[in-house]
PDB file of N, CA and C in Angstrom:
ATOM      1  N   UNK A   1      49.071   9.702   2.343  1.00  0.00           N
ATOM      2  CA  UNK A   1      48.420  10.725   2.868  1.00  0.00           C
ATOM      3  C   UNK A   1      47.682  10.855   3.732  1.00  0.00           C
ATOM      4  N   UNK A   2      47.112  11.377   4.789  1.00  0.00           N
ATOM      5  CA  UNK A   2      46.120  11.075   5.723  1.00  0.00           C
ATOM      6  C   UNK A   2      44.903  11.654   5.604  1.00  0.00           C
ATOM      7  N   UNK A   3      43.773  11.289   5.951  1.00  0.00           N
ATOM      8  CA  UNK A   3      42.561  11.918   6.149  1.00  0.00           C
ATOM      9  C   UNK A   3      42.214  12.835   6.936  1.00  0.00           C
ATOM     10  N   UNK A   4      43.252  13.552   7.671  1.00  0.00           N
ATOM     11  CA  UNK A   4      43.012  14.311   8.721  1.00  0.00           C
ATOM     12  C   UNK A   4      43.140  15.672   8.006  1.00  0.00           C
ATOM     13  N   UNK A   5      42.016  16.165   7.345  1.00  0.00           N
ATOM     14  CA  UNK A   5      42.015  17.435   6.563  1.00  0.00           C
ATOM     15  C   UNK A   5      40.851  18.552   7.332  1.00  0.00           C
ATOM     16  N   UNK A   6      41.628  19.960   6.934  1.00  0.00           N
ATOM     17  CA  UNK A   6      41.281  21.022   7.538  1.00  0.00           C
ATOM     18  C   UNK A   6      40.650  22.157   6.292  1.00  0.00           C
ATOM     19  N   UNK A   7      39.908  22.693   6.479  1.00  0.00           N
ATOM     20  CA  UNK A   7      38.999  23.576   5.489  1.00  0.00           C
ATOM     21  C   UNK A   7      40.062  24.826   5.600  1.00  0.00           C
ATOM     22  N   UNK A   8      40.935  25.387   4.547  1.00  0.00           N
ATOM     23  CA  UNK A   8      41.646  26.344   5.087  1.00  0.00           C
ATOM     24  C   UNK A   8      41.300  27.713   4.595  1.00  0.00           C
ATOM     25  N   UNK A   9      40.432  27.766   3.559  1.00  0.00           N
ATOM     26  CA  UNK A   9      39.904  28.715   2.607  1.00  0.00           C
ATOM     27  C   UNK A   9      39.046  28.371   1.267  1.00  0.00           C
ATOM     28  N   UNK A  10      38.083  29.224   1.413  1.00  0.00           N
ATOM     29  CA  UNK A  10      37.178  28.659   0.324  1.00  0.00           C
ATOM     30  C   UNK A  10      37.699  30.498  -1.014  1.00  0.00           C
ATOM     31  N   UNK A  11      37.613  29.971  -1.869  1.00  0.00           N
ATOM     32  CA  UNK A  11      38.457  30.785  -2.834  1.00  0.00           C
ATOM     33  C   UNK A  11      36.945  30.968  -4.132  1.00  0.00           C
ATOM     34  N   UNK A  12      37.098  31.993  -4.713  1.00  0.00           N
ATOM     35  CA  UNK A  12      36.049  32.410  -5.794  1.00  0.00           C
ATOM     36  C   UNK A  12      36.744  32.287  -7.324  1.00  0.00           C
ATOM     37  N   UNK A  13      36.625  31.318  -8.406  1.00  0.00           N
ATOM     38  CA  UNK A  13      37.013  31.639  -9.484  1.00  0.00           C
ATOM     39  C   UNK A  13      35.676  31.778 -10.438  1.00  0.00           C
ATOM     40  N   UNK A  14      35.608  33.262 -10.979  1.00  0.00           N
ATOM     41  CA  UNK A  14      34.340  33.312 -11.849  1.00  0.00           C
ATOM     42  C   UNK A  14      32.927  32.837 -11.007  1.00  0.00           C
ATOM     43  N   UNK A  15      32.506  31.664 -11.667  1.00  0.00           N
ATOM     44  CA  UNK A  15      31.635  31.556 -10.853  1.00  0.00           C
ATOM     45  C   UNK A  15      31.297  30.370  -9.921  1.00  0.00           C
ATOM     46  N   UNK A  16      32.591  29.985  -9.774  1.00  0.00           N
ATOM     47  CA  UNK A  16      32.818  28.444  -9.046  1.00  0.00           C
ATOM     48  C   UNK A  16      33.792  29.002  -7.489  1.00  0.00           C
ATOM     49  N   UNK A  17      33.180  28.507  -6.883  1.00  0.00           N
ATOM     50  CA  UNK A  17      33.604  28.507  -5.461  1.00  0.00           C
ATOM     51  C   UNK A  17      34.218  27.217  -5.529  1.00  0.00           C
ATOM     52  N   UNK A  18      35.599  27.116  -4.646  1.00  0.00           N
ATOM     53  CA  UNK A  18      36.346  26.111  -4.409  1.00  0.00           C
ATOM     54  C   UNK A  18      37.114  26.138  -3.397  1.00  0.00           C
ATOM     55  N   UNK A  19      36.815  24.952  -2.184  1.00  0.00           N
ATOM     56  CA  UNK A  19      37.122  24.662  -0.640  1.00  0.00           C
ATOM     57  C   UNK A  19      38.934  24.330  -1.228  1.00  0.00           C
ATOM     58  N   UNK A  20      39.614  24.867  -0.557  1.00  0.00           N
ATOM     59  CA  UNK A  20      41.369  24.091  -0.783  1.00  0.00           C
ATOM     60  C   UNK A  20      41.251  23.524   1.284  1.00  0.00           C
ATOM     61  N   UNK A  21      41.659  22.701   1.070  1.00  0.00           N
ATOM     62  CA  UNK A  21      42.084  21.933   2.288  1.00  0.00           C
ATOM     63  C   UNK A  21      43.383  21.818   2.522  1.00  0.00           C
ATOM     64  N   UNK A  22      43.517  21.582   3.769  1.00  0.00           N
ATOM     65  CA  UNK A  22      45.260  21.436   4.399  1.00  0.00           C
ATOM     66  C   UNK A  22      45.225  19.820   4.846  1.00  0.00           C
ATOM     67  N   UNK A  23      46.390  19.078   4.825  1.00  0.00           N
ATOM     68  CA  UNK A  23      46.315  18.084   5.864  1.00  0.00           C
ATOM     69  C   UNK A  23      48.024  18.369   6.748  1.00  0.00           C
ATOM     70  N   UNK A  24      48.236  17.144   7.399  1.00  0.00           N
ATOM     71  CA  UNK A  24      49.072  17.440   8.395  1.00  0.00           C
ATOM     72  C   UNK A  24      50.709  17.087   7.367  1.00  0.00           C
ATOM     73  N   UNK A  25      50.461  16.819   6.336  1.00  0.00           N
ATOM     74  CA  UNK A  25      51.570  16.844   5.394  1.00  0.00           C
ATOM     75  C   UNK A  25      52.067  18.126   4.294  1.00  0.00           C
ATOM     76  N   UNK A  26      51.160  19.003   5.023  1.00  0.00           N
ATOM     77  CA  UNK A  26      51.388  20.777   4.403  1.00  0.00           C
ATOM     78  C   UNK A  26      50.862  20.597   3.156  1.00  0.00           C
ATOM     79  N   UNK A  27      50.235  19.524   3.160  1.00  0.00           N
ATOM     80  CA  UNK A  27      49.460  19.501   0.938  1.00  0.00           C
ATOM     81  C   UNK A  27      48.375  20.126   1.277  1.00  0.00           C
ATOM     82  N   UNK A  28      48.078  20.673   0.156  1.00  0.00           N
ATOM     83  CA  UNK A  28      46.932  21.591  -0.141  1.00  0.00           C
ATOM     84  C   UNK A  28      46.203  20.627  -1.042  1.00  0.00           C
ATOM     85  N   UNK A  29      44.686  20.550  -0.705  1.00  0.00           N
ATOM     86  CA  UNK A  29      43.913  19.356  -1.624  1.00  0.00           C
ATOM     87  C   UNK A  29      42.480  20.268  -2.041  1.00  0.00           C
ATOM     88  N   UNK A  30      42.283  19.794  -3.124  1.00  0.00           N
ATOM     89  CA  UNK A  30      41.114  20.055  -3.704  1.00  0.00           C
ATOM     90  C   UNK A  30      40.135  18.971  -4.302  1.00  0.00           C
ATOM     91  N   UNK A  31      38.814  18.904  -4.226  1.00  0.00           N
ATOM     92  CA  UNK A  31      38.181  17.916  -4.591  1.00  0.00           C
ATOM     93  C   UNK A  31      37.956  17.772  -5.950  1.00  0.00           C
ATOM     94  N   UNK A  32      37.804  16.089  -6.506  1.00  0.00           N
ATOM     95  CA  UNK A  32      38.012  15.998  -7.785  1.00  0.00           C
ATOM     96  C   UNK A  32      36.781  16.706  -8.909  1.00  0.00           C
ATOM     97  N   UNK A  33      35.639  16.631  -8.178  1.00  0.00           N
ATOM     98  CA  UNK A  33      34.725  17.953  -8.548  1.00  0.00           C
ATOM     99  C   UNK A  33      34.624  18.958  -9.042  1.00  0.00           C
ATOM    100  N   UNK A  34      35.932  19.767  -8.060  1.00  0.00           N
ATOM    101  CA  UNK A  34      35.838  20.811  -8.229  1.00  0.00           C
ATOM    102  C   UNK A  34      36.955  21.223  -9.160  1.00  0.00           C
ATOM    103  N   UNK A  35      37.905  20.452  -9.575  1.00  0.00           N
ATOM    104  CA  UNK A  35      39.119  20.417 -10.652  1.00  0.00           C
ATOM    105  C   UNK A  35      37.905  20.457 -11.517  1.00  0.00           C
ATOM    106  N   UNK A  36      37.030  19.372 -12.188  1.00  0.00           N
ATOM    107  CA  UNK A  36      36.725  18.959 -12.745  1.00  0.00           C
ATOM    108  C   UNK A  36      35.570  20.374 -13.354  1.00  0.00           C
ATOM    109  N   UNK A  37      35.181  20.898 -12.521  1.00  0.00           N
ATOM    110  CA  UNK A  37      34.590  22.142 -12.747  1.00  0.00           C
ATOM    111  C   UNK A  37      35.343  23.422 -13.109  1.00  0.00           C
ATOM    112  N   UNK A  38      36.608  23.429 -12.382  1.00  0.00           N
ATOM    113  CA  UNK A  38      37.318  24.575 -13.018  1.00  0.00           C
ATOM    114  C   UNK A  38      37.848  23.977 -14.352  1.00  0.00           C
ATOM    115  N   UNK A  39      37.779  22.835 -14.753  1.00  0.00           N
ATOM    116  CA  UNK A  39      38.535  23.018 -16.084  1.00  0.00           C
ATOM    117  C   UNK A  39      37.178  22.778 -17.387  1.00  0.00           C
ATOM    118  N   UNK A  40      35.847  23.099 -17.009  1.00  0.00           N
ATOM    119  CA  UNK A  40      34.939  23.414 -17.634  1.00  0.00           C
ATOM    120  C   UNK A  40      34.375  22.161 -18.101  1.00  0.00           C
ATOM    121  N   UNK A  41      34.482  20.886 -17.481  1.00  0.00           N
ATOM    122  CA  UNK A  41      34.153  19.478 -18.048  1.00  0.00           C
ATOM    123  C   UNK A  41      32.294  19.749 -17.667  1.00  0.00           C
ATOM    124  N   UNK A  42      32.154  19.024 -19.348  1.00  0.00           N
ATOM    125  CA  UNK A  42      30.676  19.266 -19.171  1.00  0.00           C
ATOM    126  C   UNK A  42      30.202  18.158 -17.768  1.00  0.00           C
ATOM    127  N   UNK A  43      30.899  17.176 -17.551  1.00  0.00           N
ATOM    128  CA  UNK A  43      30.393  16.396 -16.211  1.00  0.00           C
ATOM    129  C   UNK A  43      32.071  15.966 -15.336  1.00  0.00           C
ATOM    130  N   UNK A  44      31.800  16.900 -14.834  1.00  0.00           N
ATOM    131  CA  UNK A  44      33.368  16.986 -13.971  1.00  0.00           C
ATOM    132  C   UNK A  44      33.770  15.763 -12.990  1.00  0.00           C
ATOM    133  N   UNK A  45      32.744  14.993 -12.299  1.00  0.00           N
ATOM    134  CA  UNK A  45      33.304  13.889 -11.616  1.00  0.00           C
ATOM    135  C   UNK A  45      33.841  12.759 -12.522  1.00  0.00           C
ATOM    136  N   UNK A  46      32.833  12.558 -13.207  1.00  0.00           N
ATOM    137  CA  UNK A  46      33.118  11.440 -14.349  1.00  0.00           C
ATOM    138  C   UNK A  46      34.382  11.310 -14.918  1.00  0.00           C
ATOM    139  N   UNK A  47      33.996  13.062 -15.358  1.00  0.00           N
ATOM    140  CA  UNK A  47      35.617  12.987 -16.384  1.00  0.00           C
ATOM    141  C   UNK A  47      36.813  12.946 -15.832  1.00  0.00           C
ATOM    142  N   UNK A  48      37.211  13.504 -14.567  1.00  0.00           N
ATOM    143  CA  UNK A  48      38.200  13.296 -13.786  1.00  0.00           C
ATOM    144  C   UNK A  48      38.715  11.807 -13.489  1.00  0.00           C
ATOM    145  N   UNK A  49      37.527  10.909 -13.074  1.00  0.00           N
ATOM    146  CA  UNK A  49      37.217   9.786 -13.003  1.00  0.00           C
ATOM    147  C   UNK A  49      38.287   9.220 -14.127  1.00  0.00           C
ATOM    148  N   UNK A  50      37.674   9.203 -15.277  1.00  0.00           N
ATOM    149  CA  UNK A  50      38.547   8.804 -16.335  1.00  0.00           C
ATOM    150  C   UNK A  50      39.513   8.852 -16.748  1.00  0.00           C
ATOM    151  N   UNK A  51      39.985  10.041 -16.168  1.00  0.00           N
ATOM    152  CA  UNK A  51      41.335  10.747 -16.414  1.00  0.00           C
ATOM    153  C   UNK A  51      42.321   9.739 -15.606  1.00  0.00           C
ATOM    154  N   UNK A  52      41.608  10.100 -14.104  1.00  0.00           N
ATOM    155  CA  UNK A  52      42.357   9.358 -13.186  1.00  0.00           C
ATOM    156  C   UNK A  52      42.810   7.773 -13.429  1.00  0.00           C
ATOM    157  N   UNK A  53      41.891   6.941 -13.856  1.00  0.00           N
ATOM    158  CA  UNK A  53      41.557   5.771 -14.427  1.00  0.00           C
ATOM    159  C   UNK A  53      42.883   5.504 -15.455  1.00  0.00           C
ATOM    160  N   UNK A  54      43.255   6.436 -16.596  1.00  0.00           N
ATOM    161  CA  UNK A  54      44.287   6.434 -17.264  1.00  0.00           C
ATOM    162  C   UNK A  54      45.393   6.571 -17.085  1.00  0.00           C
ATOM    163  N   UNK A  55      45.491   7.195 -15.981  1.00  0.00           N
ATOM    164  CA  UNK A  55      47.032   7.524 -15.676  1.00  0.00           C
ATOM    165  C   UNK A  55      46.979   7.256 -13.708  1.00  0.00           C
ATOM    166  N   UNK A  56      46.293   6.323 -13.665  1.00  0.00           N
ATOM    167  CA  UNK A  56      46.408   5.909 -12.101  1.00  0.00           C
ATOM    168  C   UNK A  56      47.690   5.542 -11.360  1.00  0.00           C
ATOM    169  N   UNK A  57      48.795   5.262 -12.439  1.00  0.00           N
ATOM    170  CA  UNK A  57      50.241   4.859 -11.902  1.00  0.00           C
ATOM    171  C   UNK A  57      50.720   6.518 -11.692  1.00  0.00           C
ATOM    172  N   UNK A  58      50.529   7.567 -12.266  1.00  0.00           N
ATOM    173  CA  UNK A  58      50.835   9.111 -11.629  1.00  0.00           C
ATOM    174  C   UNK A  58      49.828   9.968 -10.551  1.00  0.00           C
ATOM    175  N   UNK A  59      48.121   9.339 -10.768  1.00  0.00           N
ATOM    176  CA  UNK A  59      47.619  10.101 -10.196  1.00  0.00           C
ATOM    177  C   UNK A  59      46.990   8.936  -8.381  1.00  0.00           C
ATOM    178  N   UNK A  60      47.086   8.454  -8.213  1.00  0.00           N
ATOM    179  CA  UNK A  60      47.300   7.412  -7.128  1.00  0.00           C
ATOM    180  C   UNK A  60      47.752   8.225  -5.843  1.00  0.00           C
ATOM    181  N   UNK A  61      48.824   8.352  -6.278  1.00  0.00           N
ATOM    182  CA  UNK A  61      50.067   8.546  -4.926  1.00  0.00           C
ATOM    183  C   UNK A  61      49.422  10.185  -4.621  1.00  0.00           C
ATOM    184  N   UNK A  62      49.028  10.930  -5.700  1.00  0.00           N
ATOM    185  CA  UNK A  62      48.534  12.766  -5.577  1.00  0.00           C
ATOM    186  C   UNK A  62      46.839  12.463  -5.173  1.00  0.00           C
ATOM    187  N   UNK A  63      46.133  11.864  -4.475  1.00  0.00           N
ATOM    188  CA  UNK A  63      44.717  11.444  -4.370  1.00  0.00           C
ATOM    189  C   UNK A  63      44.453  11.288  -3.222  1.00  0.00           C
ATOM    190  N   UNK A  64      43.389  11.197  -2.390  1.00  0.00           N
ATOM    191  CA  UNK A  64      42.910  10.629  -1.048  1.00  0.00           C
ATOM    192  C   UNK A  64      42.071  10.792  -1.079  1.00  0.00           C
ATOM    193  N   UNK A  65      41.411   9.608  -0.652  1.00  0.00           N
ATOM    194  CA  UNK A  65      39.772   9.295  -0.242  1.00  0.00           C
ATOM    195  C   UNK A  65      39.375   9.429   1.134  1.00  0.00           C
ATOM    196  N   UNK A  66      38.220  10.657   1.221  1.00  0.00           N
ATOM    197  CA  UNK A  66      37.951  10.659   2.217  1.00  0.00           C
ATOM    198  C   UNK A  66      36.328  10.992   2.653  1.00  0.00           C
ATOM    199  N   UNK A  67      35.853  11.488   3.856  1.00  0.00           N
ATOM    200  CA  UNK A  67      34.570  11.388   3.664  1.00  0.00           C
ATOM    201  C   UNK A  67      34.302  13.079   4.159  1.00  0.00           C
ATOM    202  N   UNK A  68      33.812  13.998   3.452  1.00  0.00           N
ATOM    203  CA  UNK A  68      33.448  15.184   3.729  1.00  0.00           C
ATOM    204  C   UNK A  68      32.364  15.760   4.107  1.00  0.00           C
ATOM    205  N   UNK A  69      32.001  16.818   4.939  1.00  0.00           N
ATOM    206  CA  UNK A  69      30.718  17.376   5.583  1.00  0.00           C
ATOM    207  C   UNK A  69      30.165  18.079   4.378  1.00  0.00           C
ATOM    208  N   UNK A  70      28.600  17.300   3.933  1.00  0.00           N
ATOM    209  CA  UNK A  70      28.417  17.849   2.772  1.00  0.00           C
ATOM    210  C   UNK A  70      27.217  19.660   3.319  1.00  0.00           C
ATOM    211  N   UNK A  71      26.741  20.434   2.445  1.00  0.00           N
ATOM    212  CA  UNK A  71      25.679  21.159   3.014  1.00  0.00           C
ATOM    213  C   UNK A  71      24.680  20.524   3.536  1.00  0.00           C
ATOM    214  N   UNK A  72      24.201  19.303   2.916  1.00  0.00           N
ATOM    215  CA  UNK A  72      22.821  18.900   3.795  1.00  0.00           C
ATOM    216  C   UNK A  72      23.071  17.838   5.034  1.00  0.00           C
ATOM    217  N   UNK A  73      24.523  17.905   5.651  1.00  0.00           N
ATOM    218  CA  UNK A  73      24.929  17.833   6.778  1.00  0.00           C
ATOM    219  C   UNK A  73      25.451  15.978   6.961  1.00  0.00           C
ATOM    220  N   UNK A  74      25.567  15.515   6.235  1.00  0.00           N
ATOM    221  CA  UNK A  74      25.880  14.192   5.905  1.00  0.00           C
ATOM    222  C   UNK A  74      27.108  14.147   5.114  1.00  0.00           C
ATOM    223  N   UNK A  75      27.689  13.217   5.510  1.00  0.00           N
ATOM    224  CA  UNK A  75      29.273  13.132   4.786  1.00  0.00           C
ATOM    225  C   UNK A  75      29.129  12.397   3.923  1.00  0.00           C
ATOM    226  N   UNK A  76      30.138  12.178   2.586  1.00  0.00           N
ATOM    227  CA  UNK A  76      29.755  11.599   1.370  1.00  0.00           C
ATOM    228  C   UNK A  76      31.581  11.153   1.098  1.00  0.00           C
ATOM    229  N   UNK A  77      31.744   9.816   0.726  1.00  0.00           N
ATOM    230  CA  UNK A  77      32.998   9.459   0.487  1.00  0.00           C
ATOM    231  C   UNK A  77      33.406  10.676  -0.803  1.00  0.00           C
ATOM    232  N   UNK A  78      34.589  11.095  -0.794  1.00  0.00           N
ATOM    233  CA  UNK A  78      35.098  12.436  -1.736  1.00  0.00           C
ATOM    234  C   UNK A  78      37.083  11.963  -1.971  1.00  0.00           C
ATOM    235  N   UNK A  79      37.124  11.924  -3.389  1.00  0.00           N
ATOM    236  CA  UNK A  79      38.090  12.151  -3.654  1.00  0.00           C
ATOM    237  C   UNK A  79      39.197  13.392  -3.845  1.00  0.00           C
ATOM    238  N   UNK A  80      40.075  13.601  -3.219  1.00  0.00           N
ATOM    239  CA  UNK A  80      40.920  15.035  -3.510  1.00  0.00           C
ATOM    240  C   UNK A  80      42.228  14.806  -4.054  1.00  0.00           C
ATOM    241  N   UNK A  81      42.562  15.398  -4.389  1.00  0.00           N
ATOM    242  CA  UNK A  81      44.066  15.751  -5.238  1.00  0.00           C
ATOM    243  C   UNK A  81      44.819  16.527  -4.467  1.00  0.00           C
ATOM    244  N   UNK A  82      46.274  16.529  -4.569  1.00  0.00           N
ATOM    245  CA  UNK A  82      47.141  18.039  -4.134  1.00  0.00           C
ATOM    246  C   UNK A  82      47.431  18.657  -5.124  1.00  0.00           C
TER     247      UNK A  82
END
């Protein structure tokens, strides 16, 4: 997967606002944190991280690490999944 991502839409699910990204391979991606929040985990990022570690052989090919611009104007390393 490439890191050339474009924010294509933001949708609201209940109280959760999710950003959907698109890459040049026509994949749609969501952040690890957003998936964890949507699944209502108490600690979304760490819960998703544990799931990924347990199923690395399956999830490595469905994920990409990139830097995304945050609301504070800084870029942070972020894991996204197709």
